[in-house]
mmCIF file of all heavy atoms, coordinates in Angstrom:
data_MODEL
# 
_entry.id   MODEL 
# 
loop_
_atom_site.group_PDB 
_atom_site.id 
_atom_site.type_symbol 
_atom_site.label_atom_id 
_atom_site.label_alt_id 
_atom_site.label_comp_id 
_atom_site.label_asym_id 
_atom_site.label_entity_id 
_atom_site.label_seq_id 
_atom_site.pdbx_PDB_ins_code 
_atom_site.Cartn_x 
_atom_site.Cartn_y 
_atom_site.Cartn_z 
_atom_site.occupancy 
_atom_site.B_iso_or_equiv 
_atom_site.pdbx_formal_charge 
_atom_site.auth_seq_id 
_atom_site.auth_comp_id 
_atom_site.auth_asym_id 
_atom_site.auth_atom_id 
_atom_site.pdbx_PDB_model_num 
ATOM 1   N N   . ASN A 1 1  ? -37.280 17.415 -14.625 1.00 0.00 ? 1  ASN A N   1 
ATOM 2   C CA  . ASN A 1 1  ? -36.672 17.605 -13.313 1.00 0.00 ? 1  ASN A CA  1 
ATOM 3   C C   . ASN A 1 1  ? -35.422 16.753 -13.253 1.00 0.00 ? 1  ASN A C   1 
ATOM 4   O O   . ASN A 1 1  ? -35.392 15.640 -13.770 1.00 0.00 ? 1  ASN A O   1 
ATOM 5   C CB  . ASN A 1 1  ? -37.639 17.192 -12.196 1.00 0.00 ? 1  ASN A CB  1 
ATOM 6   C CG  . ASN A 1 1  ? -38.760 18.173 -12.012 1.00 0.00 ? 1  ASN A CG  1 
ATOM 7   O OD1 . ASN A 1 1  ? -38.570 19.237 -11.434 1.00 0.00 ? 1  ASN A OD1 1 
ATOM 8   N ND2 . ASN A 1 1  ? -39.953 17.826 -12.486 1.00 0.00 ? 1  ASN A ND2 1 
ATOM 9   N N   . TYR A 1 2  ? -34.378 17.283 -12.584 1.00 0.00 ? 2  TYR A N   1 
ATOM 10  C CA  . TYR A 1 2  ? -33.104 16.596 -12.498 1.00 0.00 ? 2  TYR A CA  1 
ATOM 11  C C   . TYR A 1 2  ? -32.603 16.606 -11.063 1.00 0.00 ? 2  TYR A C   1 
ATOM 12  O O   . TYR A 1 2  ? -32.888 17.528 -10.299 1.00 0.00 ? 2  TYR A O   1 
ATOM 13  C CB  . TYR A 1 2  ? -32.055 17.277 -13.374 1.00 0.00 ? 2  TYR A CB  1 
ATOM 14  C CG  . TYR A 1 2  ? -32.419 17.398 -14.822 1.00 0.00 ? 2  TYR A CG  1 
ATOM 15  C CD1 . TYR A 1 2  ? -33.015 18.550 -15.313 1.00 0.00 ? 2  TYR A CD1 1 
ATOM 16  C CD2 . TYR A 1 2  ? -32.165 16.354 -15.701 1.00 0.00 ? 2  TYR A CD2 1 
ATOM 17  C CE1 . TYR A 1 2  ? -33.347 18.677 -16.650 1.00 0.00 ? 2  TYR A CE1 1 
ATOM 18  C CE2 . TYR A 1 2  ? -32.499 16.469 -17.052 1.00 0.00 ? 2  TYR A CE2 1 
ATOM 19  C CZ  . TYR A 1 2  ? -33.086 17.627 -17.511 1.00 0.00 ? 2  TYR A CZ  1 
ATOM 20  O OH  . TYR A 1 2  ? -33.415 17.736 -18.841 1.00 0.00 ? 2  TYR A OH  1 
ATOM 21  N N   . VAL A 1 3  ? -31.818 15.596 -10.730 1.00 0.00 ? 3  VAL A N   1 
ATOM 22  C CA  . VAL A 1 3  ? -31.115 15.618 -9.468  1.00 0.00 ? 3  VAL A CA  1 
ATOM 23  C C   . VAL A 1 3  ? -29.877 16.502 -9.629  1.00 0.00 ? 3  VAL A C   1 
ATOM 24  O O   . VAL A 1 3  ? -29.387 16.722 -10.743 1.00 0.00 ? 3  VAL A O   1 
ATOM 25  C CB  . VAL A 1 3  ? -30.716 14.205 -9.009  1.00 0.00 ? 3  VAL A CB  1 
ATOM 26  C CG1 . VAL A 1 3  ? -31.957 13.365 -8.785  1.00 0.00 ? 3  VAL A CG1 1 
ATOM 27  C CG2 . VAL A 1 3  ? -29.787 13.549 -10.015 1.00 0.00 ? 3  VAL A CG2 1 
ATOM 28  N N   . GLY A 1 4  ? -29.366 16.997 -8.508  1.00 0.00 ? 4  GLY A N   1 
ATOM 29  C CA  . GLY A 1 4  ? -28.273 17.949 -8.550  1.00 0.00 ? 4  GLY A CA  1 
ATOM 30  C C   . GLY A 1 4  ? -26.987 17.417 -9.152  1.00 0.00 ? 4  GLY A C   1 
ATOM 31  O O   . GLY A 1 4  ? -26.212 18.198 -9.738  1.00 0.00 ? 4  GLY A O   1 
ATOM 32  N N   . SER A 1 5  ? -26.745 16.136 -9.050  1.00 0.00 ? 5  SER A N   1 
ATOM 33  C CA  . SER A 1 5  ? -25.493 15.581 -9.524  1.00 0.00 ? 5  SER A CA  1 
ATOM 34  C C   . SER A 1 5  ? -25.341 15.629 -11.044 1.00 0.00 ? 5  SER A C   1 
ATOM 35  O O   . SER A 1 5  ? -24.226 15.551 -11.555 1.00 0.00 ? 5  SER A O   1 
ATOM 36  C CB  . SER A 1 5  ? -25.325 14.143 -9.026  1.00 0.00 ? 5  SER A CB  1 
ATOM 37  O OG  . SER A 1 5  ? -26.364 13.314 -9.504  1.00 0.00 ? 5  SER A OG  1 
ATOM 38  N N   . VAL A 1 6  ? -26.442 15.739 -11.764 1.00 0.00 ? 6  VAL A N   1 
ATOM 39  C CA  . VAL A 1 6  ? -26.383 15.739 -13.220 1.00 0.00 ? 6  VAL A CA  1 
ATOM 40  C C   . VAL A 1 6  ? -26.954 17.004 -13.840 1.00 0.00 ? 6  VAL A C   1 
ATOM 41  O O   . VAL A 1 6  ? -26.791 17.217 -15.051 1.00 0.00 ? 6  VAL A O   1 
ATOM 42  C CB  . VAL A 1 6  ? -27.093 14.508 -13.817 1.00 0.00 ? 6  VAL A CB  1 
ATOM 43  C CG1 . VAL A 1 6  ? -26.498 13.222 -13.259 1.00 0.00 ? 6  VAL A CG1 1 
ATOM 44  C CG2 . VAL A 1 6  ? -28.594 14.565 -13.560 1.00 0.00 ? 6  VAL A CG2 1 
ATOM 45  N N   . GLU A 1 7  ? -27.600 17.828 -13.063 1.00 0.00 ? 7  GLU A N   1 
ATOM 46  C CA  . GLU A 1 7  ? -28.203 19.043 -13.604 1.00 0.00 ? 7  GLU A CA  1 
ATOM 47  C C   . GLU A 1 7  ? -27.134 19.918 -14.245 1.00 0.00 ? 7  GLU A C   1 
ATOM 48  O O   . GLU A 1 7  ? -26.083 20.178 -13.666 1.00 0.00 ? 7  GLU A O   1 
ATOM 49  C CB  . GLU A 1 7  ? -28.924 19.811 -12.510 1.00 0.00 ? 7  GLU A CB  1 
ATOM 50  C CG  . GLU A 1 7  ? -29.769 20.957 -13.020 1.00 0.00 ? 7  GLU A CG  1 
ATOM 51  C CD  . GLU A 1 7  ? -30.666 21.544 -11.959 1.00 0.00 ? 7  GLU A CD  1 
ATOM 52  O OE1 . GLU A 1 7  ? -30.454 21.255 -10.766 1.00 0.00 ? 7  GLU A OE1 1 
ATOM 53  O OE2 . GLU A 1 7  ? -31.596 22.290 -12.311 1.00 0.00 ? 7  GLU A OE2 1 
ATOM 54  N N   . GLY A 1 8  ? -27.418 20.361 -15.456 1.00 0.00 ? 8  GLY A N   1 
ATOM 55  C CA  . GLY A 1 8  ? -26.462 21.167 -16.201 1.00 0.00 ? 8  GLY A CA  1 
ATOM 56  C C   . GLY A 1 8  ? -25.605 20.352 -17.153 1.00 0.00 ? 8  GLY A C   1 
ATOM 57  O O   . GLY A 1 8  ? -25.029 20.918 -18.088 1.00 0.00 ? 8  GLY A O   1 
ATOM 58  N N   . ARG A 1 9  ? -25.491 19.067 -16.920 1.00 0.00 ? 9  ARG A N   1 
ATOM 59  C CA  . ARG A 1 9  ? -24.714 18.183 -17.783 1.00 0.00 ? 9  ARG A CA  1 
ATOM 60  C C   . ARG A 1 9  ? -25.593 17.252 -18.603 1.00 0.00 ? 9  ARG A C   1 
ATOM 61  O O   . ARG A 1 9  ? -25.272 16.957 -19.758 1.00 0.00 ? 9  ARG A O   1 
ATOM 62  C CB  . ARG A 1 9  ? -23.733 17.341 -16.979 1.00 0.00 ? 9  ARG A CB  1 
ATOM 63  C CG  . ARG A 1 9  ? -22.668 18.138 -16.254 1.00 0.00 ? 9  ARG A CG  1 
ATOM 64  C CD  . ARG A 1 9  ? -21.570 17.213 -15.715 1.00 0.00 ? 9  ARG A CD  1 
ATOM 65  N NE  . ARG A 1 9  ? -22.116 16.239 -14.755 1.00 0.00 ? 9  ARG A NE  1 
ATOM 66  C CZ  . ARG A 1 9  ? -21.951 14.920 -14.856 1.00 0.00 ? 9  ARG A CZ  1 
ATOM 67  N NH1 . ARG A 1 9  ? -21.269 14.408 -15.863 1.00 0.00 ? 9  ARG A NH1 1 
ATOM 68  N NH2 . ARG A 1 9  ? -22.456 14.121 -13.927 1.00 0.00 ? 9  ARG A NH2 1 
ATOM 69  N N   . PHE A 1 10 ? -26.672 16.771 -18.002 1.00 0.00 ? 10 PHE A N   1 
ATOM 70  C CA  . PHE A 1 10 ? -27.559 15.821 -18.660 1.00 0.00 ? 10 PHE A CA  1 
ATOM 71  C C   . PHE A 1 10 ? -28.869 16.515 -19.035 1.00 0.00 ? 10 PHE A C   1 
ATOM 72  O O   . PHE A 1 10 ? -29.368 17.365 -18.277 1.00 0.00 ? 10 PHE A O   1 
ATOM 73  C CB  . PHE A 1 10 ? -27.884 14.646 -17.748 1.00 0.00 ? 10 PHE A CB  1 
ATOM 74  C CG  . PHE A 1 10 ? -26.718 13.723 -17.455 1.00 0.00 ? 10 PHE A CG  1 
ATOM 75  C CD1 . PHE A 1 10 ? -25.431 14.021 -17.875 1.00 0.00 ? 10 PHE A CD1 1 
ATOM 76  C CD2 . PHE A 1 10 ? -26.932 12.564 -16.735 1.00 0.00 ? 10 PHE A CD2 1 
ATOM 77  C CE1 . PHE A 1 10 ? -24.370 13.175 -17.600 1.00 0.00 ? 10 PHE A CE1 1 
ATOM 78  C CE2 . PHE A 1 10 ? -25.886 11.702 -16.459 1.00 0.00 ? 10 PHE A CE2 1 
ATOM 79  C CZ  . PHE A 1 10 ? -24.602 12.003 -16.890 1.00 0.00 ? 10 PHE A CZ  1 
ATOM 80  N N   . THR A 1 11 ? -29.432 16.129 -20.153 1.00 0.00 ? 11 THR A N   1 
ATOM 81  C CA  . THR A 1 11 ? -30.690 16.685 -20.615 1.00 0.00 ? 11 THR A CA  1 
ATOM 82  C C   . THR A 1 11 ? -31.615 15.565 -21.062 1.00 0.00 ? 11 THR A C   1 
ATOM 83  O O   . THR A 1 11 ? -31.224 14.721 -21.863 1.00 0.00 ? 11 THR A O   1 
ATOM 84  C CB  . THR A 1 11 ? -30.483 17.666 -21.779 1.00 0.00 ? 11 THR A CB  1 
ATOM 85  O OG1 . THR A 1 11 ? -29.610 18.726 -21.370 1.00 0.00 ? 11 THR A OG1 1 
ATOM 86  C CG2 . THR A 1 11 ? -31.818 18.271 -22.201 1.00 0.00 ? 11 THR A CG2 1 
ATOM 87  N N   . ILE A 1 12 ? -32.822 15.571 -20.545 1.00 0.00 ? 12 ILE A N   1 
ATOM 88  C CA  . ILE A 1 12 ? -33.834 14.598 -20.935 1.00 0.00 ? 12 ILE A CA  1 
ATOM 89  C C   . ILE A 1 12 ? -34.811 15.250 -21.903 1.00 0.00 ? 12 ILE A C   1 
ATOM 90  O O   . ILE A 1 12 ? -35.258 16.380 -21.672 1.00 0.00 ? 12 ILE A O   1 
ATOM 91  C CB  . ILE A 1 12 ? -34.594 14.050 -19.710 1.00 0.00 ? 12 ILE A CB  1 
ATOM 92  C CG1 . ILE A 1 12 ? -33.618 13.365 -18.747 1.00 0.00 ? 12 ILE A CG1 1 
ATOM 93  C CG2 . ILE A 1 12 ? -35.696 13.102 -20.135 1.00 0.00 ? 12 ILE A CG2 1 
ATOM 94  C CD1 . ILE A 1 12 ? -34.256 12.975 -17.423 1.00 0.00 ? 12 ILE A CD1 1 
ATOM 95  N N   . SER A 1 13 ? -35.140 14.552 -22.960 1.00 0.00 ? 13 SER A N   1 
ATOM 96  C CA  . SER A 1 13 ? -36.143 15.017 -23.900 1.00 0.00 ? 13 SER A CA  1 
ATOM 97  C C   . SER A 1 13 ? -36.984 13.837 -24.348 1.00 0.00 ? 13 SER A C   1 
ATOM 98  O O   . SER A 1 13 ? -36.639 12.673 -24.092 1.00 0.00 ? 13 SER A O   1 
ATOM 99  C CB  . SER A 1 13 ? -35.491 15.708 -25.100 1.00 0.00 ? 13 SER A CB  1 
ATOM 100 O OG  . SER A 1 13 ? -34.626 14.832 -25.793 1.00 0.00 ? 13 SER A OG  1 
ATOM 101 N N   . ARG A 1 14 ? -38.100 14.122 -24.991 1.00 0.00 ? 14 ARG A N   1 
ATOM 102 C CA  . ARG A 1 14 ? -38.940 13.032 -25.482 1.00 0.00 ? 14 ARG A CA  1 
ATOM 103 C C   . ARG A 1 14 ? -39.618 13.423 -26.769 1.00 0.00 ? 14 ARG A C   1 
ATOM 104 O O   . ARG A 1 14 ? -39.889 14.600 -27.014 1.00 0.00 ? 14 ARG A O   1 
ATOM 105 C CB  . ARG A 1 14 ? -39.964 12.585 -24.435 1.00 0.00 ? 14 ARG A CB  1 
ATOM 106 C CG  . ARG A 1 14 ? -41.044 13.597 -24.102 1.00 0.00 ? 14 ARG A CG  1 
ATOM 107 C CD  . ARG A 1 14 ? -41.865 13.153 -22.874 1.00 0.00 ? 14 ARG A CD  1 
ATOM 108 N NE  . ARG A 1 14 ? -42.695 12.001 -23.164 1.00 0.00 ? 14 ARG A NE  1 
ATOM 109 C CZ  . ARG A 1 14 ? -43.390 11.321 -22.235 1.00 0.00 ? 14 ARG A CZ  1 
ATOM 110 N NH1 . ARG A 1 14 ? -43.308 11.681 -20.958 1.00 0.00 ? 14 ARG A NH1 1 
ATOM 111 N NH2 . ARG A 1 14 ? -44.145 10.294 -22.589 1.00 0.00 ? 14 ARG A NH2 1 
ATOM 112 N N   . ASP A 1 15 ? -39.887 12.428 -27.577 1.00 0.00 ? 15 ASP A N   1 
ATOM 113 C CA  . ASP A 1 15 ? -40.602 12.583 -28.830 1.00 0.00 ? 15 ASP A CA  1 
ATOM 114 C C   . ASP A 1 15 ? -41.777 11.622 -28.775 1.00 0.00 ? 15 ASP A C   1 
ATOM 115 O O   . ASP A 1 15 ? -41.623 10.419 -29.003 1.00 0.00 ? 15 ASP A O   1 
ATOM 116 C CB  . ASP A 1 15 ? -39.690 12.278 -30.012 1.00 0.00 ? 15 ASP A CB  1 
ATOM 117 C CG  . ASP A 1 15 ? -40.352 12.536 -31.354 1.00 0.00 ? 15 ASP A CG  1 
ATOM 118 O OD1 . ASP A 1 15 ? -41.587 12.559 -31.427 1.00 0.00 ? 15 ASP A OD1 1 
ATOM 119 O OD2 . ASP A 1 15 ? -39.618 12.722 -32.343 1.00 0.00 ? 15 ASP A OD2 1 
ATOM 120 N N   . ASN A 1 16 ? -42.935 12.143 -28.442 1.00 0.00 ? 16 ASN A N   1 
ATOM 121 C CA  . ASN A 1 16 ? -44.092 11.274 -28.261 1.00 0.00 ? 16 ASN A CA  1 
ATOM 122 C C   . ASN A 1 16 ? -44.533 10.603 -29.558 1.00 0.00 ? 16 ASN A C   1 
ATOM 123 O O   . ASN A 1 16 ? -45.074 9.498  -29.531 1.00 0.00 ? 16 ASN A O   1 
ATOM 124 C CB  . ASN A 1 16 ? -45.256 12.077 -27.670 1.00 0.00 ? 16 ASN A CB  1 
ATOM 125 C CG  . ASN A 1 16 ? -45.004 12.500 -26.238 1.00 0.00 ? 16 ASN A CG  1 
ATOM 126 O OD1 . ASN A 1 16 ? -44.320 11.796 -25.484 1.00 0.00 ? 16 ASN A OD1 1 
ATOM 127 N ND2 . ASN A 1 16 ? -45.551 13.642 -25.854 1.00 0.00 ? 16 ASN A ND2 1 
ATOM 128 N N   . ALA A 1 17 ? -44.300 11.257 -30.677 1.00 0.00 ? 17 ALA A N   1 
ATOM 129 C CA  . ALA A 1 17 ? -44.648 10.654 -31.967 1.00 0.00 ? 17 ALA A CA  1 
ATOM 130 C C   . ALA A 1 17 ? -43.835 9.407  -32.223 1.00 0.00 ? 17 ALA A C   1 
ATOM 131 O O   . ALA A 1 17 ? -44.300 8.488  -32.913 1.00 0.00 ? 17 ALA A O   1 
ATOM 132 C CB  . ALA A 1 17 ? -44.470 11.667 -33.089 1.00 0.00 ? 17 ALA A CB  1 
ATOM 133 N N   . LYS A 1 18 ? -42.609 9.366  -31.703 1.00 0.00 ? 18 LYS A N   1 
ATOM 134 C CA  . LYS A 1 18 ? -41.741 8.207  -31.867 1.00 0.00 ? 18 LYS A CA  1 
ATOM 135 C C   . LYS A 1 18 ? -41.724 7.311  -30.631 1.00 0.00 ? 18 LYS A C   1 
ATOM 136 O O   . LYS A 1 18 ? -41.006 6.313  -30.611 1.00 0.00 ? 18 LYS A O   1 
ATOM 137 C CB  . LYS A 1 18 ? -40.324 8.650  -32.173 1.00 0.00 ? 18 LYS A CB  1 
ATOM 138 C CG  . LYS A 1 18 ? -40.177 9.402  -33.492 1.00 0.00 ? 18 LYS A CG  1 
ATOM 139 C CD  . LYS A 1 18 ? -38.734 9.795  -33.737 1.00 0.00 ? 18 LYS A CD  1 
ATOM 140 C CE  . LYS A 1 18 ? -38.575 10.509 -35.066 1.00 0.00 ? 18 LYS A CE  1 
ATOM 141 N NZ  . LYS A 1 18 ? -37.162 10.915 -35.319 1.00 0.00 ? 18 LYS A NZ  1 
ATOM 142 N N   . SER A 1 19 ? -42.491 7.676  -29.618 1.00 0.00 ? 19 SER A N   1 
ATOM 143 C CA  . SER A 1 19 ? -42.539 6.933  -28.358 1.00 0.00 ? 19 SER A CA  1 
ATOM 144 C C   . SER A 1 19 ? -41.136 6.723  -27.801 1.00 0.00 ? 19 SER A C   1 
ATOM 145 O O   . SER A 1 19 ? -40.773 5.631  -27.351 1.00 0.00 ? 19 SER A O   1 
ATOM 146 C CB  . SER A 1 19 ? -43.238 5.594  -28.549 1.00 0.00 ? 19 SER A CB  1 
ATOM 147 O OG  . SER A 1 19 ? -44.581 5.775  -28.957 1.00 0.00 ? 19 SER A OG  1 
ATOM 148 N N   . THR A 1 20 ? -40.346 7.788  -27.832 1.00 0.00 ? 20 THR A N   1 
ATOM 149 C CA  . THR A 1 20 ? -38.931 7.704  -27.462 1.00 0.00 ? 20 THR A CA  1 
ATOM 150 C C   . THR A 1 20 ? -38.551 8.814  -26.505 1.00 0.00 ? 20 THR A C   1 
ATOM 151 O O   . THR A 1 20 ? -38.973 9.963  -26.679 1.00 0.00 ? 20 THR A O   1 
ATOM 152 C CB  . THR A 1 20 ? -38.044 7.772  -28.716 1.00 0.00 ? 20 THR A CB  1 
ATOM 153 O OG1 . THR A 1 20 ? -38.396 6.710  -29.608 1.00 0.00 ? 20 THR A OG1 1 
ATOM 154 C CG2 . THR A 1 20 ? -36.577 7.640  -28.340 1.00 0.00 ? 20 THR A CG2 1 
ATOM 155 N N   . VAL A 1 21 ? -37.748 8.473  -25.515 1.00 0.00 ? 21 VAL A N   1 
ATOM 156 C CA  . VAL A 1 21 ? -37.126 9.458  -24.640 1.00 0.00 ? 21 VAL A CA  1 
ATOM 157 C C   . VAL A 1 21 ? -35.623 9.376  -24.828 1.00 0.00 ? 21 VAL A C   1 
ATOM 158 O O   . VAL A 1 21 ? -35.080 8.320  -25.159 1.00 0.00 ? 21 VAL A O   1 
ATOM 159 C CB  . VAL A 1 21 ? -37.510 9.277  -23.166 1.00 0.00 ? 21 VAL A CB  1 
ATOM 160 C CG1 . VAL A 1 21 ? -38.999 9.514  -22.965 1.00 0.00 ? 21 VAL A CG1 1 
ATOM 161 C CG2 . VAL A 1 21 ? -37.124 7.885  -22.670 1.00 0.00 ? 21 VAL A CG2 1 
ATOM 162 N N   . TYR A 1 22 ? -34.956 10.486 -24.574 1.00 0.00 ? 22 TYR A N   1 
ATOM 163 C CA  . TYR A 1 22 ? -33.534 10.583 -24.780 1.00 0.00 ? 22 TYR A CA  1 
ATOM 164 C C   . TYR A 1 22 ? -32.850 11.112 -23.523 1.00 0.00 ? 22 TYR A C   1 
ATOM 165 O O   . TYR A 1 22 ? -33.437 11.874 -22.757 1.00 0.00 ? 22 TYR A O   1 
ATOM 166 C CB  . TYR A 1 22 ? -33.194 11.519 -25.939 1.00 0.00 ? 22 TYR A CB  1 
ATOM 167 C CG  . TYR A 1 22 ? -33.859 11.150 -27.238 1.00 0.00 ? 22 TYR A CG  1 
ATOM 168 C CD1 . TYR A 1 22 ? -35.065 11.722 -27.611 1.00 0.00 ? 22 TYR A CD1 1 
ATOM 169 C CD2 . TYR A 1 22 ? -33.275 10.227 -28.094 1.00 0.00 ? 22 TYR A CD2 1 
ATOM 170 C CE1 . TYR A 1 22 ? -35.681 11.396 -28.795 1.00 0.00 ? 22 TYR A CE1 1 
ATOM 171 C CE2 . TYR A 1 22 ? -33.876 9.884  -29.287 1.00 0.00 ? 22 TYR A CE2 1 
ATOM 172 C CZ  . TYR A 1 22 ? -35.089 10.469 -29.640 1.00 0.00 ? 22 TYR A CZ  1 
ATOM 173 O OH  . TYR A 1 22 ? -35.690 10.140 -30.820 1.00 0.00 ? 22 TYR A OH  1 
ATOM 174 N N   . LEU A 1 23 ? -31.613 10.721 -23.353 1.00 0.00 ? 23 LEU A N   1 
ATOM 175 C CA  . LEU A 1 23 ? -30.779 11.275 -22.307 1.00 0.00 ? 23 LEU A CA  1 
ATOM 176 C C   . LEU A 1 23 ? -29.473 11.732 -22.966 1.00 0.00 ? 23 LEU A C   1 
ATOM 177 O O   . LEU A 1 23 ? -28.642 10.908 -23.343 1.00 0.00 ? 23 LEU A O   1 
ATOM 178 C CB  . LEU A 1 23 ? -30.490 10.254 -21.213 1.00 0.00 ? 23 LEU A CB  1 
ATOM 179 C CG  . LEU A 1 23 ? -29.594 10.739 -20.067 1.00 0.00 ? 23 LEU A CG  1 
ATOM 180 C CD1 . LEU A 1 23 ? -30.273 11.871 -19.300 1.00 0.00 ? 23 LEU A CD1 1 
ATOM 181 C CD2 . LEU A 1 23 ? -29.226 9.592  -19.136 1.00 0.00 ? 23 LEU A CD2 1 
ATOM 182 N N   . GLN A 1 24 ? -29.321 13.032 -23.122 1.00 0.00 ? 24 GLN A N   1 
ATOM 183 C CA  . GLN A 1 24 ? -28.082 13.615 -23.625 1.00 0.00 ? 24 GLN A CA  1 
ATOM 184 C C   . GLN A 1 24 ? -27.141 13.815 -22.462 1.00 0.00 ? 24 GLN A C   1 
ATOM 185 O O   . GLN A 1 24 ? -27.468 14.519 -21.506 1.00 0.00 ? 24 GLN A O   1 
ATOM 186 C CB  . GLN A 1 24 ? -28.359 14.937 -24.329 1.00 0.00 ? 24 GLN A CB  1 
ATOM 187 C CG  . GLN A 1 24 ? -27.119 15.631 -24.856 1.00 0.00 ? 24 GLN A CG  1 
ATOM 188 C CD  . GLN A 1 24 ? -26.456 14.867 -25.975 1.00 0.00 ? 24 GLN A CD  1 
ATOM 189 O OE1 . GLN A 1 24 ? -27.126 14.416 -26.905 1.00 0.00 ? 24 GLN A OE1 1 
ATOM 190 N NE2 . GLN A 1 24 ? -25.144 14.695 -25.905 1.00 0.00 ? 24 GLN A NE2 1 
ATOM 191 N N   . MET A 1 25 ? -25.974 13.205 -22.546 1.00 0.00 ? 25 MET A N   1 
ATOM 192 C CA  . MET A 1 25 ? -25.000 13.221 -21.454 1.00 0.00 ? 25 MET A CA  1 
ATOM 193 C C   . MET A 1 25 ? -23.740 13.923 -21.935 1.00 0.00 ? 25 MET A C   1 
ATOM 194 O O   . MET A 1 25 ? -23.068 13.447 -22.845 1.00 0.00 ? 25 MET A O   1 
ATOM 195 C CB  . MET A 1 25 ? -24.675 11.799 -21.016 1.00 0.00 ? 25 MET A CB  1 
ATOM 196 C CG  . MET A 1 25 ? -25.920 10.951 -20.727 1.00 0.00 ? 25 MET A CG  1 
ATOM 197 S SD  . MET A 1 25 ? -25.567 9.181  -20.589 1.00 0.00 ? 25 MET A SD  1 
ATOM 198 C CE  . MET A 1 25 ? -24.543 9.165  -19.124 1.00 0.00 ? 25 MET A CE  1 
ATOM 199 N N   . ASN A 1 26 ? -23.427 15.039 -21.325 1.00 0.00 ? 26 ASN A N   1 
ATOM 200 C CA  . ASN A 1 26 ? -22.243 15.824 -21.653 1.00 0.00 ? 26 ASN A CA  1 
ATOM 201 C C   . ASN A 1 26 ? -21.285 15.873 -20.472 1.00 0.00 ? 26 ASN A C   1 
ATOM 202 O O   . ASN A 1 26 ? -21.673 15.624 -19.335 1.00 0.00 ? 26 ASN A O   1 
ATOM 203 C CB  . ASN A 1 26 ? -22.635 17.245 -22.061 1.00 0.00 ? 26 ASN A CB  1 
ATOM 204 C CG  . ASN A 1 26 ? -23.519 17.294 -23.281 1.00 0.00 ? 26 ASN A CG  1 
ATOM 205 O OD1 . ASN A 1 26 ? -23.396 16.471 -24.191 1.00 0.00 ? 26 ASN A OD1 1 
ATOM 206 N ND2 . ASN A 1 26 ? -24.416 18.278 -23.316 1.00 0.00 ? 26 ASN A ND2 1 
ATOM 207 N N   . SER A 1 27 ? -20.052 16.226 -20.753 1.00 0.00 ? 27 SER A N   1 
ATOM 208 C CA  . SER A 1 27 ? -19.020 16.352 -19.727 1.00 0.00 ? 27 SER A CA  1 
ATOM 209 C C   . SER A 1 27 ? -18.957 15.127 -18.838 1.00 0.00 ? 27 SER A C   1 
ATOM 210 O O   . SER A 1 27 ? -18.895 15.216 -17.610 1.00 0.00 ? 27 SER A O   1 
ATOM 211 C CB  . SER A 1 27 ? -19.271 17.615 -18.882 1.00 0.00 ? 27 SER A CB  1 
ATOM 212 O OG  . SER A 1 27 ? -19.260 18.777 -19.686 1.00 0.00 ? 27 SER A OG  1 
ATOM 213 N N   . LEU A 1 28 ? -18.956 13.978 -19.457 1.00 0.00 ? 28 LEU A N   1 
ATOM 214 C CA  . LEU A 1 28 ? -18.971 12.724 -18.704 1.00 0.00 ? 28 LEU A CA  1 
ATOM 215 C C   . LEU A 1 28 ? -17.681 12.529 -17.916 1.00 0.00 ? 28 LEU A C   1 
ATOM 216 O O   . LEU A 1 28 ? -16.595 12.892 -18.379 1.00 0.00 ? 28 LEU A O   1 
ATOM 217 C CB  . LEU A 1 28 ? -19.190 11.552 -19.649 1.00 0.00 ? 28 LEU A CB  1 
ATOM 218 C CG  . LEU A 1 28 ? -20.626 11.415 -20.169 1.00 0.00 ? 28 LEU A CG  1 
ATOM 219 C CD1 . LEU A 1 28 ? -20.667 10.500 -21.388 1.00 0.00 ? 28 LEU A CD1 1 
ATOM 220 C CD2 . LEU A 1 28 ? -21.525 10.875 -19.065 1.00 0.00 ? 28 LEU A CD2 1 
ATOM 221 N N   . GLN A 1 29 ? -17.820 11.959 -16.752 1.00 0.00 ? 29 GLN A N   1 
ATOM 222 C CA  . GLN A 1 29 ? -16.714 11.679 -15.858 1.00 0.00 ? 29 GLN A CA  1 
ATOM 223 C C   . GLN A 1 29 ? -16.730 10.214 -15.479 1.00 0.00 ? 29 GLN A C   1 
ATOM 224 O O   . GLN A 1 29 ? -17.763 9.547  -15.593 1.00 0.00 ? 29 GLN A O   1 
ATOM 225 C CB  . GLN A 1 29 ? -16.806 12.556 -14.610 1.00 0.00 ? 29 GLN A CB  1 
ATOM 226 C CG  . GLN A 1 29 ? -16.753 14.047 -14.884 1.00 0.00 ? 29 GLN A CG  1 
ATOM 227 C CD  . GLN A 1 29 ? -15.462 14.465 -15.559 1.00 0.00 ? 29 GLN A CD  1 
ATOM 228 O OE1 . GLN A 1 29 ? -14.378 14.067 -15.148 1.00 0.00 ? 29 GLN A OE1 1 
ATOM 229 N NE2 . GLN A 1 29 ? -15.567 15.283 -16.599 1.00 0.00 ? 29 GLN A NE2 1 
# 
């Protein structure tokens, strides 16, 4: 789930095997 200000630009993913979450940030301003 994303807030409107970042939806479409930011993507959250996770790798449970690595106990890691990621935030991919595109079109940064």
